[in-house]
Amino acid sequence: MNQLEALRAFCAVCQHGSFAGAAKDLGVSPTMVSRYVKQLENQLGCLLLKRNTRKVHITQAGLSYVRSITPVISELEQINSRMLQFNQQPKGKLTVSASLEFGGQYLAPVISQYRQRYPEVEINVDLSNQPEDVWVDKIDIALRVAPQLPSASFIARPICQSRLALWASPDYITSSGCPEQLEDLRQHQLLFFSHSIRSDQWIFNDKGQTLEMKLPWAWQSNNGRLLNEAAVLGQGIIQAPSYSVAQYVKKGELVEIMPQHSIDKLTISAVYPHSYEFSISIKTFIEELKVYFSEHEID
């Protein structure tokens, strides 16, 4: 039995004094209204209404019951109405997680556009290169590069694509030369982005196959911005997504080397739990991300 519908049916019968009037009000058949009331009486173990061919009479138990539940039904309907309004217009808090490099460079204009449309959403952006637990850290959306989903409880929506490649400054290439083959990298100064997802290796496209290589690192850091700056200063070669070094490439401070070994179509996705699938704030923010990156190339 749908108890809420049964309660509504009983209250409607008391209000209209008939099953027909209640049925018309609720948009169901009189038989269905009668069935709801009968199920409710069976559950409560008492007679709520006395019926005859012409009229419905409310019993003393029914009168007491309708007085008690009418405010509850009214409050539930008000709550449902507020929730529908909430669903139609995003509001409340939204926590977004991203890497320092991606979030720091690209999220500000997205958030600006989003808040112009939905000013009642309070956005909290958590930027970190450390892996975060969406559940434990209470994150609504995590923006991840080629995410490895921990379980089927998560949904990944592709937002945009980038390219994982090798980069060095023109000064470094002039002084140290440019490697032509992957094994040549062992003779160069290599700056490694240390991250648990990456393990302790670089990955390459080798004739259509993914190749993993552990190389002798000159030094390493968990901060991509630091490594980008070091590469600009000629300290060595880095492997980084194209979005991370875009500003340096535009200024000619970094150039791509050995592009034949780059990983193309590196997907950046918005990851969130299945239980959040019907959140209007999450849906609208992801849509804003998609629109922004369809209009702004980050490669």
C-alpha atoms as a PDB file:
ATOM      1  CA  MET A   1       0.000   0.000   0.000  1.00  0.00           C
ATOM      2  CA  ASN A   2       1.150   3.514  -0.829  1.00  0.00           C
ATOM      3  CA  GLN A   3       0.402   4.959   2.581  1.00  0.00           C
ATOM      4  CA  LEU A   4       0.777   8.583   1.566  1.00  0.00           C
ATOM      5  CA  GLU A   5      -1.743   8.157  -1.267  1.00  0.00           C
ATOM      6  CA  ALA A   6      -4.073   6.285   1.093  1.00  0.00           C
ATOM      7  CA  LEU A   7      -3.905   9.144   3.607  1.00  0.00           C
ATOM      8  CA  ARG A   8      -4.619  11.683   0.874  1.00  0.00           C
ATOM      9  CA  ALA A   9      -7.586   9.625  -0.304  1.00  0.00           C
ATOM     10  CA  PHE A  10      -9.020   9.379   3.219  1.00  0.00           C
ATOM     11  CA  CYS A  11      -8.629  13.125   3.819  1.00  0.00           C
ATOM     12  CA  ALA A  12     -10.252  13.880   0.463  1.00  0.00           C
ATOM     13  CA  VAL A  13     -13.257  11.680   1.294  1.00  0.00           C
ATOM     14  CA  CYS A  14     -13.667  13.476   4.631  1.00  0.00           C
ATOM     15  CA  GLN A  15     -13.458  16.845   2.898  1.00  0.00           C
ATOM     16  CA  HIS A  16     -15.920  16.085   0.072  1.00  0.00           C
ATOM     17  CA  GLY A  17     -18.168  13.696   1.987  1.00  0.00           C
ATOM     18  CA  SER A  18     -18.130  11.197  -0.859  1.00  0.00           C
ATOM     19  CA  PHE A  19     -15.849   8.811  -2.714  1.00  0.00           C
ATOM     20  CA  ALA A  20     -16.864  10.327  -6.042  1.00  0.00           C
ATOM     21  CA  GLY A  21     -15.863  13.833  -4.977  1.00  0.00           C
ATOM     22  CA  ALA A  22     -12.557  12.573  -3.572  1.00  0.00           C
ATOM     23  CA  ALA A  23     -11.874  10.608  -6.753  1.00  0.00           C
ATOM     24  CA  LYS A  24     -12.480  13.660  -8.950  1.00  0.00           C
ATOM     25  CA  ASP A  25     -10.198  15.775  -6.764  1.00  0.00           C
ATOM     26  CA  LEU A  26      -7.400  13.194  -6.825  1.00  0.00           C
ATOM     27  CA  GLY A  27      -7.809  12.226 -10.477  1.00  0.00           C
ATOM     28  CA  VAL A  28      -8.415   8.542  -9.780  1.00  0.00           C
ATOM     29  CA  SER A  29     -11.445   6.238  -9.845  1.00  0.00           C
ATOM     30  CA  PRO A  30     -13.902   5.984  -6.904  1.00  0.00           C
ATOM     31  CA  THR A  31     -12.996   2.287  -6.701  1.00  0.00           C
ATOM     32  CA  MET A  32      -9.351   3.199  -6.142  1.00  0.00           C
ATOM     33  CA  VAL A  33     -10.293   5.686  -3.413  1.00  0.00           C
ATOM     34  CA  SER A  34     -12.416   3.040  -1.691  1.00  0.00           C
ATOM     35  CA  ARG A  35      -9.569   0.552  -1.932  1.00  0.00           C
ATOM     36  CA  TYR A  36      -7.107   3.016  -0.395  1.00  0.00           C
ATOM     37  CA  VAL A  37      -9.423   3.724   2.536  1.00  0.00           C
ATOM     38  CA  LYS A  38     -10.095   0.023   3.094  1.00  0.00           C
ATOM     39  CA  GLN A  39      -6.339  -0.723   3.133  1.00  0.00           C
ATOM     40  CA  LEU A  40      -5.836   2.076   5.642  1.00  0.00           C
ATOM     41  CA  GLU A  41      -8.602   0.732   7.890  1.00  0.00           C
ATOM     42  CA  ASN A  42      -7.114  -2.759   7.727  1.00  0.00           C
ATOM     43  CA  GLN A  43      -3.720  -1.415   8.689  1.00  0.00           C
ATOM     44  CA  LEU A  44      -5.084   0.625  11.611  1.00  0.00           C
ATOM     45  CA  GLY A  45      -7.527  -2.074  12.730  1.00  0.00           C
ATOM     46  CA  CYS A  46     -10.492   0.274  13.081  1.00  0.00           C
ATOM     47  CA  LEU A  47     -13.387   1.627  11.031  1.00  0.00           C
ATOM     48  CA  LEU A  48     -12.771   5.149   9.766  1.00  0.00           C
ATOM     49  CA  LEU A  49     -15.804   5.616   7.527  1.00  0.00           C
ATOM     50  CA  LYS A  50     -19.347   4.231   7.465  1.00  0.00           C
ATOM     51  CA  ARG A  51     -20.686   3.819   3.918  1.00  0.00           C
ATOM     52  CA  ASN A  52     -24.159   3.430   2.467  1.00  0.00           C
ATOM     53  CA  THR A  53     -25.530   3.904  -1.000  1.00  0.00           C
ATOM     54  CA  ARG A  54     -26.139   7.621  -0.563  1.00  0.00           C
ATOM     55  CA  LYS A  55     -23.682   9.028   1.963  1.00  0.00           C
ATOM     56  CA  VAL A  56     -20.380   8.527   3.783  1.00  0.00           C
ATOM     57  CA  HIS A  57     -20.246   9.097   7.536  1.00  0.00           C
ATOM     58  CA  ILE A  58     -16.994   9.676   9.470  1.00  0.00           C
ATOM     59  CA  THR A  59     -16.670   7.555  12.607  1.00  0.00           C
ATOM     60  CA  GLN A  60     -15.329   8.934  15.863  1.00  0.00           C
ATOM     61  CA  ALA A  61     -12.008   7.184  15.160  1.00  0.00           C
ATOM     62  CA  GLY A  62     -12.016   8.614  11.650  1.00  0.00           C
ATOM     63  CA  LEU A  63     -12.677  12.123  12.912  1.00  0.00           C
ATOM     64  CA  SER A  64      -9.827  11.902  15.397  1.00  0.00           C
ATOM     65  CA  TYR A  65      -7.536  10.485  12.726  1.00  0.00           C
ATOM     66  CA  VAL A  66      -8.302  13.074  10.050  1.00  0.00           C
ATOM     67  CA  ARG A  67      -7.715  15.922  12.524  1.00  0.00           C
ATOM     68  CA  SER A  68      -4.324  14.448  13.375  1.00  0.00           C
ATOM     69  CA  ILE A  69      -3.086  13.701   9.885  1.00  0.00           C
ATOM     70  CA  THR A  70      -4.408  16.741   7.979  1.00  0.00           C
ATOM     71  CA  PRO A  71      -1.590  19.051   9.240  1.00  0.00           C
ATOM     72  CA  VAL A  72       0.963  16.336   8.434  1.00  0.00           C
ATOM     73  CA  ILE A  73      -0.345  15.925   4.861  1.00  0.00           C
ATOM     74  CA  SER A  74      -0.351  19.700   4.421  1.00  0.00           C
ATOM     75  CA  GLU A  75       3.243  19.977   5.629  1.00  0.00           C
ATOM     76  CA  LEU A  76       4.368  17.135   3.356  1.00  0.00           C
ATOM     77  CA  GLU A  77       2.793  18.843   0.360  1.00  0.00           C
ATOM     78  CA  GLN A  78       4.535  22.100   1.238  1.00  0.00           C
ATOM     79  CA  ILE A  79       7.859  20.270   1.553  1.00  0.00           C
ATOM     80  CA  ASN A  80       7.340  18.568  -1.815  1.00  0.00           C
ATOM     81  CA  SER A  81       6.506  21.929  -3.366  1.00  0.00           C
ATOM     82  CA  ARG A  82       9.696  23.464  -1.989  1.00  0.00           C
ATOM     83  CA  MET A  83      11.723  20.492  -3.240  1.00  0.00           C
ATOM     84  CA  LEU A  84      10.280  20.880  -6.734  1.00  0.00           C
ATOM     85  CA  GLN A  85      11.323  24.525  -6.714  1.00  0.00           C
ATOM     86  CA  PHE A  86      14.763  23.461  -5.496  1.00  0.00           C
ATOM     87  CA  ASN A  87      14.999  20.964  -8.334  1.00  0.00           C
ATOM     88  CA  GLN A  88      14.021  23.564 -10.913  1.00  0.00           C
ATOM     89  CA  GLN A  89      16.448  26.255  -9.722  1.00  0.00           C
ATOM     90  CA  PRO A  90      19.879  25.125  -8.477  1.00  0.00           C
ATOM     91  CA  LYS A  91      20.757  26.384  -5.012  1.00  0.00           C
ATOM     92  CA  GLY A  92      22.776  25.341  -1.994  1.00  0.00           C
ATOM     93  CA  LYS A  93      26.392  24.223  -1.713  1.00  0.00           C
ATOM     94  CA  LEU A  94      28.434  22.576  -4.473  1.00  0.00           C
ATOM     95  CA  THR A  95      31.971  21.306  -3.812  1.00  0.00           C
ATOM     96  CA  VAL A  96      34.225  20.829  -6.851  1.00  0.00           C
ATOM     97  CA  SER A  97      37.628  19.138  -6.751  1.00  0.00           C
ATOM     98  CA  ALA A  98      40.354  19.493  -9.394  1.00  0.00           C
ATOM     99  CA  SER A  99      44.118  19.450  -9.784  1.00  0.00           C
ATOM    100  CA  LEU A 100      46.037  22.635  -9.053  1.00  0.00           C
ATOM    101  CA  GLU A 101      47.039  23.084 -12.691  1.00  0.00           C
ATOM    102  CA  PHE A 102      43.679  22.418 -14.323  1.00  0.00           C
ATOM    103  CA  GLY A 103      41.547  24.161 -11.717  1.00  0.00           C
ATOM    104  CA  GLY A 104      43.874  27.118 -11.331  1.00  0.00           C
ATOM    105  CA  GLN A 105      43.970  27.847 -15.053  1.00  0.00           C
ATOM    106  CA  TYR A 106      40.477  27.054 -16.251  1.00  0.00           C
ATOM    107  CA  LEU A 107      37.795  26.991 -13.561  1.00  0.00           C
ATOM    108  CA  ALA A 108      37.533  30.706 -12.741  1.00  0.00           C
ATOM    109  CA  PRO A 109      35.758  31.713 -15.993  1.00  0.00           C
ATOM    110  CA  VAL A 110      33.507  28.631 -15.816  1.00  0.00           C
ATOM    111  CA  ILE A 111      32.467  29.498 -12.264  1.00  0.00           C
ATOM    112  CA  SER A 112      31.906  33.138 -13.254  1.00  0.00           C
ATOM    113  CA  GLN A 113      29.535  32.117 -16.054  1.00  0.00           C
ATOM    114  CA  TYR A 114      27.764  29.568 -13.870  1.00  0.00           C
ATOM    115  CA  ARG A 115      27.150  31.969 -10.999  1.00  0.00           C
ATOM    116  CA  GLN A 116      25.724  34.554 -13.356  1.00  0.00           C
ATOM    117  CA  ARG A 117      23.050  32.004 -14.231  1.00  0.00           C
ATOM    118  CA  TYR A 118      22.649  30.408 -10.802  1.00  0.00           C
ATOM    119  CA  PRO A 119      23.649  32.951  -8.126  1.00  0.00           C
ATOM    120  CA  GLU A 120      22.094  30.912  -5.307  1.00  0.00           C
ATOM    121  CA  VAL A 121      24.648  28.107  -5.643  1.00  0.00           C
ATOM    122  CA  GLU A 122      27.534  28.390  -3.164  1.00  0.00           C
ATOM    123  CA  ILE A 123      30.596  26.909  -4.880  1.00  0.00           C
ATOM    124  CA  ASN A 124      33.585  25.594  -2.944  1.00  0.00           C
ATOM    125  CA  VAL A 125      36.593  24.656  -5.099  1.00  0.00           C
ATOM    126  CA  ASP A 126      39.182  22.294  -3.632  1.00  0.00           C
ATOM    127  CA  LEU A 127      42.435  22.289  -5.646  1.00  0.00           C
ATOM    128  CA  SER A 128      44.941  19.567  -4.856  1.00  0.00           C
ATOM    129  CA  ASN A 129      47.257  17.169  -6.649  1.00  0.00           C
ATOM    130  CA  GLN A 130      46.680  14.550  -3.978  1.00  0.00           C
ATOM    131  CA  PRO A 131      44.036  11.898  -4.666  1.00  0.00           C
ATOM    132  CA  GLU A 132      40.848  12.609  -2.747  1.00  0.00           C
ATOM    133  CA  ASP A 133      38.032  10.371  -1.623  1.00  0.00           C
ATOM    134  CA  VAL A 134      34.787  11.759  -3.015  1.00  0.00           C
ATOM    135  CA  TRP A 135      32.791  10.200  -0.155  1.00  0.00           C
ATOM    136  CA  VAL A 136      35.109  11.004   2.762  1.00  0.00           C
ATOM    137  CA  ASP A 137      35.950  14.532   1.604  1.00  0.00           C
ATOM    138  CA  LYS A 138      32.297  15.307   0.762  1.00  0.00           C
ATOM    139  CA  ILE A 139      33.042  16.261  -2.840  1.00  0.00           C
ATOM    140  CA  ASP A 140      30.153  16.649  -5.269  1.00  0.00           C
ATOM    141  CA  ILE A 141      32.178  16.715  -8.505  1.00  0.00           C
ATOM    142  CA  ALA A 142      35.804  15.634  -8.999  1.00  0.00           C
ATOM    143  CA  LEU A 143      37.486  16.676 -12.256  1.00  0.00           C
ATOM    144  CA  ARG A 144      39.987  13.982 -13.152  1.00  0.00           C
ATOM    145  CA  VAL A 145      42.284  13.218 -16.050  1.00  0.00           C
ATOM    146  CA  ALA A 146      41.565   9.742 -17.475  1.00  0.00           C
ATOM    147  CA  PRO A 147      39.948   8.655 -14.191  1.00  0.00           C
ATOM    148  CA  GLN A 148      40.182   5.142 -12.875  1.00  0.00           C
ATOM    149  CA  LEU A 149      36.763   4.774 -11.291  1.00  0.00           C
ATOM    150  CA  PRO A 150      36.999   3.023  -7.913  1.00  0.00           C
ATOM    151  CA  SER A 151      33.640   1.292  -8.299  1.00  0.00           C
ATOM    152  CA  ALA A 152      30.404   1.184 -10.243  1.00  0.00           C
ATOM    153  CA  SER A 153      29.018   3.659  -7.696  1.00  0.00           C
ATOM    154  CA  PHE A 154      30.587   6.500  -9.691  1.00  0.00           C
ATOM    155  CA  ILE A 155      29.651   8.158 -12.968  1.00  0.00           C
ATOM    156  CA  ALA A 156      32.225   9.828 -15.244  1.00  0.00           C
ATOM    157  CA  ARG A 157      31.042  12.469 -17.715  1.00  0.00           C
ATOM    158  CA  PRO A 158      33.666  13.492 -20.331  1.00  0.00           C
ATOM    159  CA  ILE A 159      34.265  17.243 -20.269  1.00  0.00           C
ATOM    160  CA  CYS A 160      37.126  17.832 -22.684  1.00  0.00           C
ATOM    161  CA  GLN A 161      40.314  16.275 -24.028  1.00  0.00           C
ATOM    162  CA  SER A 162      43.998  17.059 -23.809  1.00  0.00           C
ATOM    163  CA  ARG A 163      47.307  15.481 -24.839  1.00  0.00           C
ATOM    164  CA  LEU A 164      50.044  14.005 -22.636  1.00  0.00           C
ATOM    165  CA  ALA A 165      53.393  14.922 -24.153  1.00  0.00           C
ATOM    166  CA  LEU A 166      57.030  15.782 -23.491  1.00  0.00           C
ATOM    167  CA  TRP A 167      58.059  19.428 -23.193  1.00  0.00           C
ATOM    168  CA  ALA A 168      61.322  21.325 -22.894  1.00  0.00           C
ATOM    169  CA  SER A 169      62.520  24.897 -23.271  1.00  0.00           C
ATOM    170  CA  PRO A 170      64.317  26.047 -26.432  1.00  0.00           C
ATOM    171  CA  ASP A 171      67.346  26.875 -24.253  1.00  0.00           C
ATOM    172  CA  TYR A 172      67.495  23.325 -22.891  1.00  0.00           C
ATOM    173  CA  ILE A 173      67.280  21.857 -26.407  1.00  0.00           C
ATOM    174  CA  THR A 174      70.040  24.191 -27.598  1.00  0.00           C
ATOM    175  CA  SER A 175      72.357  23.236 -24.733  1.00  0.00           C
ATOM    176  CA  SER A 176      71.522  19.534 -24.310  1.00  0.00           C
ATOM    177  CA  GLY A 177      70.106  18.489 -27.654  1.00  0.00           C
ATOM    178  CA  CYS A 178      66.749  16.952 -28.457  1.00  0.00           C
ATOM    179  CA  PRO A 179      66.136  13.243 -27.875  1.00  0.00           C
ATOM    180  CA  GLU A 180      65.017  11.388 -30.986  1.00  0.00           C
ATOM    181  CA  GLN A 181      64.122   7.999 -29.477  1.00  0.00           C
ATOM    182  CA  LEU A 182      62.649   7.033 -26.104  1.00  0.00           C
ATOM    183  CA  GLU A 183      65.887   5.426 -24.936  1.00  0.00           C
ATOM    184  CA  ASP A 184      67.671   8.736 -25.553  1.00  0.00           C
ATOM    185  CA  LEU A 185      65.729  10.153 -22.592  1.00  0.00           C
ATOM    186  CA  ARG A 186      68.029   8.298 -20.196  1.00  0.00           C
ATOM    187  CA  GLN A 187      70.802  10.721 -21.167  1.00  0.00           C
ATOM    188  CA  HIS A 188      68.760  13.805 -20.273  1.00  0.00           C
ATOM    189  CA  GLN A 189      67.619  15.745 -17.217  1.00  0.00           C
ATOM    190  CA  LEU A 190      64.106  14.526 -16.504  1.00  0.00           C
ATOM    191  CA  LEU A 191      61.697  16.236 -14.110  1.00  0.00           C
ATOM    192  CA  PHE A 192      59.051  13.863 -12.729  1.00  0.00           C
ATOM    193  CA  PHE A 193      55.566  14.684 -11.502  1.00  0.00           C
ATOM    194  CA  SER A 194      55.164  12.351  -8.516  1.00  0.00           C
ATOM    195  CA  HIS A 195      51.595  11.201  -8.103  1.00  0.00           C
ATOM    196  CA  SER A 196      50.131   7.937  -6.868  1.00  0.00           C
ATOM    197  CA  ILE A 197      48.087   7.510 -10.064  1.00  0.00           C
ATOM    198  CA  ARG A 198      51.197   7.858 -12.219  1.00  0.00           C
ATOM    199  CA  SER A 199      53.199   5.387 -10.131  1.00  0.00           C
ATOM    200  CA  ASP A 200      56.912   5.949 -10.854  1.00  0.00           C
ATOM    201  CA  GLN A 201      56.930   6.022 -14.627  1.00  0.00           C
ATOM    202  CA  TRP A 202      56.129   7.949 -17.752  1.00  0.00           C
ATOM    203  CA  ILE A 203      53.711   6.578 -20.338  1.00  0.00           C
ATOM    204  CA  PHE A 204      54.090   6.862 -24.091  1.00  0.00           C
ATOM    205  CA  ASN A 205      52.388   6.019 -27.346  1.00  0.00           C
ATOM    206  CA  ASP A 206      54.664   3.524 -29.076  1.00  0.00           C
ATOM    207  CA  LYS A 207      53.270   2.719 -32.522  1.00  0.00           C
ATOM    208  CA  GLY A 208      49.716   2.654 -31.218  1.00  0.00           C
ATOM    209  CA  GLN A 209      50.537   0.759 -28.026  1.00  0.00           C
ATOM    210  CA  THR A 210      50.904   2.224 -24.537  1.00  0.00           C
ATOM    211  CA  LEU A 211      54.443   1.891 -23.207  1.00  0.00           C
ATOM    212  CA  GLU A 212      55.412   2.516 -19.588  1.00  0.00           C
ATOM    213  CA  MET A 213      58.982   3.518 -18.738  1.00  0.00           C
ATOM    214  CA  LYS A 214      60.730   4.143 -15.450  1.00  0.00           C
ATOM    215  CA  LEU A 215      63.551   6.581 -16.088  1.00  0.00           C
ATOM    216  CA  PRO A 216      66.318   8.226 -14.022  1.00  0.00           C
ATOM    217  CA  TRP A 217      64.722  11.392 -12.659  1.00  0.00           C
ATOM    218  CA  ALA A 218      66.898  14.449 -12.023  1.00  0.00           C
ATOM    219  CA  TRP A 219      64.344  15.476  -9.388  1.00  0.00           C
ATOM    220  CA  GLN A 220      60.635  15.277  -8.785  1.00  0.00           C
ATOM    221  CA  SER A 221      57.712  17.105  -7.211  1.00  0.00           C
ATOM    222  CA  ASN A 222      53.996  16.633  -6.636  1.00  0.00           C
ATOM    223  CA  ASN A 223      53.357  20.161  -7.950  1.00  0.00           C
ATOM    224  CA  GLY A 224      53.029  20.423 -11.714  1.00  0.00           C
ATOM    225  CA  ARG A 225      53.320  24.226 -11.749  1.00  0.00           C
ATOM    226  CA  LEU A 226      56.747  24.013 -10.098  1.00  0.00           C
ATOM    227  CA  LEU A 227      57.946  21.492 -12.701  1.00  0.00           C
ATOM    228  CA  ASN A 228      56.586  23.627 -15.546  1.00  0.00           C
ATOM    229  CA  GLU A 229      58.495  26.651 -14.257  1.00  0.00           C
ATOM    230  CA  ALA A 230      61.650  24.571 -13.841  1.00  0.00           C
ATOM    231  CA  ALA A 231      61.366  23.357 -17.426  1.00  0.00           C
ATOM    232  CA  VAL A 232      60.939  26.938 -18.646  1.00  0.00           C
ATOM    233  CA  LEU A 233      64.194  27.789 -16.853  1.00  0.00           C
ATOM    234  CA  GLY A 234      65.955  25.038 -18.817  1.00  0.00           C
ATOM    235  CA  GLN A 235      66.348  22.558 -15.966  1.00  0.00           C
ATOM    236  CA  GLY A 236      65.102  19.566 -17.949  1.00  0.00           C
ATOM    237  CA  ILE A 237      62.318  17.744 -19.775  1.00  0.00           C
ATOM    238  CA  ILE A 238      58.836  17.269 -18.344  1.00  0.00           C
ATOM    239  CA  GLN A 239      55.871  15.111 -19.284  1.00  0.00           C
ATOM    240  CA  ALA A 240      52.619  16.994 -18.814  1.00  0.00           C
ATOM    241  CA  PRO A 241      49.105  17.401 -20.244  1.00  0.00           C
ATOM    242  CA  SER A 242      48.950  20.076 -22.926  1.00  0.00           C
ATOM    243  CA  TYR A 243      46.434  22.091 -20.868  1.00  0.00           C
ATOM    244  CA  SER A 244      48.998  22.365 -18.064  1.00  0.00           C
ATOM    245  CA  VAL A 245      51.668  23.997 -20.250  1.00  0.00           C
ATOM    246  CA  ALA A 246      49.437  25.883 -22.720  1.00  0.00           C
ATOM    247  CA  GLN A 247      50.393  29.332 -21.436  1.00  0.00           C
ATOM    248  CA  TYR A 248      54.126  28.582 -21.738  1.00  0.00           C
ATOM    249  CA  VAL A 249      53.756  27.098 -25.223  1.00  0.00           C
ATOM    250  CA  LYS A 250      51.883  30.189 -26.437  1.00  0.00           C
ATOM    251  CA  LYS A 251      54.759  32.384 -25.257  1.00  0.00           C
ATOM    252  CA  GLY A 252      57.371  30.098 -26.851  1.00  0.00           C
ATOM    253  CA  GLU A 253      58.887  29.191 -23.474  1.00  0.00           C
ATOM    254  CA  LEU A 254      58.215  25.469 -23.938  1.00  0.00           C
ATOM    255  CA  VAL A 255      58.039  23.338 -27.070  1.00  0.00           C
ATOM    256  CA  GLU A 256      56.845  19.796 -27.601  1.00  0.00           C
ATOM    257  CA  ILE A 257      59.466  17.151 -28.312  1.00  0.00           C
ATOM    258  CA  MET A 258      58.967  13.689 -29.829  1.00  0.00           C
ATOM    259  CA  PRO A 259      55.265  14.297 -30.602  1.00  0.00           C
ATOM    260  CA  GLN A 260      55.035  10.838 -32.182  1.00  0.00           C
ATOM    261  CA  HIS A 261      55.086   9.405 -28.647  1.00  0.00           C
ATOM    262  CA  SER A 262      52.417  11.673 -27.148  1.00  0.00           C
ATOM    263  CA  ILE A 263      49.207  10.240 -25.702  1.00  0.00           C
ATOM    264  CA  ASP A 264      46.352  11.825 -27.656  1.00  0.00           C
ATOM    265  CA  LYS A 265      42.744  12.161 -26.538  1.00  0.00           C
ATOM    266  CA  LEU A 266      43.509  12.232 -22.839  1.00  0.00           C
ATOM    267  CA  THR A 267      40.021  12.552 -21.377  1.00  0.00           C
ATOM    268  CA  ILE A 268      39.188  14.945 -18.554  1.00  0.00           C
ATOM    269  CA  SER A 269      35.988  13.831 -16.845  1.00  0.00           C
ATOM    270  CA  ALA A 270      33.607  15.021 -14.155  1.00  0.00           C
ATOM    271  CA  VAL A 271      33.248  12.183 -11.647  1.00  0.00           C
ATOM    272  CA  TYR A 272      30.427  11.966  -9.104  1.00  0.00           C
ATOM    273  CA  PRO A 273      28.571   9.241  -7.178  1.00  0.00           C
ATOM    274  CA  HIS A 274      25.540   7.521  -8.709  1.00  0.00           C
ATOM    275  CA  SER A 275      23.495   8.709  -5.736  1.00  0.00           C
ATOM    276  CA  TYR A 276      24.016  12.322  -6.905  1.00  0.00           C
ATOM    277  CA  GLU A 277      22.685  11.637 -10.407  1.00  0.00           C
ATOM    278  CA  PHE A 278      19.510  13.666  -9.928  1.00  0.00           C
ATOM    279  CA  SER A 279      21.216  16.701  -8.371  1.00  0.00           C
ATOM    280  CA  ILE A 280      20.261  19.701 -10.486  1.00  0.00           C
ATOM    281  CA  SER A 281      23.335  21.627  -9.275  1.00  0.00           C
ATOM    282  CA  ILE A 282      25.687  18.889 -10.461  1.00  0.00           C
ATOM    283  CA  LYS A 283      23.899  18.512 -13.786  1.00  0.00           C
ATOM    284  CA  THR A 284      23.919  22.233 -14.550  1.00  0.00           C
ATOM    285  CA  PHE A 285      27.565  22.694 -13.507  1.00  0.00           C
ATOM    286  CA  ILE A 286      28.700  19.802 -15.716  1.00  0.00           C
ATOM    287  CA  GLU A 287      26.710  21.276 -18.589  1.00  0.00           C
ATOM    288  CA  GLU A 288      28.427  24.625 -18.008  1.00  0.00           C
ATOM    289  CA  LEU A 289      31.819  22.867 -18.152  1.00  0.00           C
ATOM    290  CA  LYS A 290      30.932  21.157 -21.422  1.00  0.00           C
ATOM    291  CA  VAL A 291      29.728  24.374 -23.023  1.00  0.00           C
ATOM    292  CA  TYR A 292      32.802  26.326 -21.922  1.00  0.00           C
ATOM    293  CA  PHE A 293      35.309  23.772 -23.162  1.00  0.00           C
ATOM    294  CA  SER A 294      33.454  23.300 -26.450  1.00  0.00           C
ATOM    295  CA  GLU A 295      34.045  27.000 -27.052  1.00  0.00           C
ATOM    296  CA  HIS A 296      37.592  27.222 -25.623  1.00  0.00           C
ATOM    297  CA  GLU A 297      40.319  24.877 -26.811  1.00  0.00           C
ATOM    298  CA  ILE A 298      42.754  23.844 -24.080  1.00  0.00           C
ATOM    299  CA  ASP A 299      45.042  21.694 -26.218  1.00  0.00           C
END
